[in-house]
């Protein structure tokens, strides 16, 4: 995301929190509808694997970002 330097960092943070909340509501709403549906396209095992993959991807992104920040300080 490209953020102009003229904005206050705290207001940009709240914008991102708001966008994350809206996205979270949309995702959770779809997941709840999928779980309640009689016609499941994903089995519970595949859903678990998908969530595990998402968590591992997030961990990778966070650790790479931390490594880049440490390297930039050196």
Protein backbone atom coordinates (compact mmCIF):
# COMPACT_ATOMS: atom_id res chain seq x y z
CA UNK A 1 0.00 0.00 0.00
CA UNK A 2 1.39 3.39 -0.93
CA UNK A 3 0.88 5.99 1.79
CA UNK A 4 1.60 9.69 1.22
CA UNK A 5 3.94 11.29 3.77
CA UNK A 6 1.63 14.23 4.44
CA UNK A 7 -0.87 12.15 6.44
CA UNK A 8 -0.59 11.58 10.16
CA UNK A 9 0.68 8.01 10.86
CA UNK A 10 -1.95 7.43 13.55
CA UNK A 11 -4.80 8.27 11.18
CA UNK A 12 -3.37 5.92 8.56
CA UNK A 13 -3.23 3.20 11.22
CA UNK A 14 -6.91 3.68 12.02
CA UNK A 15 -7.73 3.56 8.30
CA UNK A 16 -5.97 0.21 8.08
CA UNK A 17 -7.74 -1.08 11.19
CA UNK A 18 -11.06 -0.11 9.63
CA UNK A 19 -10.24 -1.82 6.35
CA UNK A 20 -9.12 -4.92 8.22
CA UNK A 21 -12.35 -5.00 10.22
CA UNK A 22 -14.49 -4.70 7.09
CA UNK A 23 -12.48 -7.42 5.37
CA UNK A 24 -12.71 -9.62 8.45
CA UNK A 25 -16.49 -9.25 8.58
CA UNK A 26 -16.78 -10.22 4.92
CA UNK A 27 -14.55 -13.27 5.35
CA UNK A 28 -16.25 -14.46 8.55
CA UNK A 29 -19.69 -14.00 7.02
CA UNK A 30 -18.70 -16.18 4.08
CA UNK A 31 -17.15 -18.81 6.35
CA UNK A 32 -20.24 -19.00 8.55
CA UNK A 33 -22.49 -19.35 5.50
CA UNK A 34 -20.23 -22.09 4.14
CA UNK A 35 -20.20 -24.02 7.40
CA UNK A 36 -23.99 -23.85 7.74
CA UNK A 37 -24.58 -24.86 4.13
CA UNK A 38 -25.75 -28.38 3.31
CA UNK A 39 -23.54 -28.44 0.21
CA UNK A 40 -19.98 -28.03 1.41
CA UNK A 41 -17.32 -27.41 -1.18
CA UNK A 42 -14.50 -27.82 1.37
CA UNK A 43 -14.21 -30.65 3.82
CA UNK A 44 -13.23 -29.86 7.40
CA UNK A 45 -9.77 -31.36 6.78
CA UNK A 46 -9.14 -29.16 3.74
CA UNK A 47 -10.40 -26.09 5.58
CA UNK A 48 -7.97 -26.86 8.41
CA UNK A 49 -5.12 -27.20 5.89
CA UNK A 50 -6.10 -23.91 4.28
CA UNK A 51 -6.11 -22.08 7.61
CA UNK A 52 -2.77 -23.66 8.55
CA UNK A 53 -1.28 -22.53 5.23
CA UNK A 54 -2.56 -19.00 5.77
CA UNK A 55 -1.02 -18.90 9.24
CA UNK A 56 2.34 -20.19 7.94
CA UNK A 57 2.32 -17.58 5.16
CA UNK A 58 1.66 -14.83 7.68
CA UNK A 59 4.51 -16.05 9.90
CA UNK A 60 6.85 -16.07 6.89
CA UNK A 61 5.92 -12.51 5.91
CA UNK A 62 6.39 -11.23 9.45
CA UNK A 63 9.76 -12.94 9.90
CA UNK A 64 11.04 -11.66 6.53
CA UNK A 65 9.92 -8.14 7.42
CA UNK A 66 11.72 -8.35 10.77
CA UNK A 67 14.89 -9.62 9.09
CA UNK A 68 14.80 -6.77 6.59
CA UNK A 69 14.41 -4.21 9.37
CA UNK A 70 17.35 -5.69 11.29
CA UNK A 71 19.49 -5.67 8.16
CA UNK A 72 18.56 -2.05 7.43
CA UNK A 73 19.63 -0.95 10.91
CA UNK A 74 23.04 -2.60 10.55
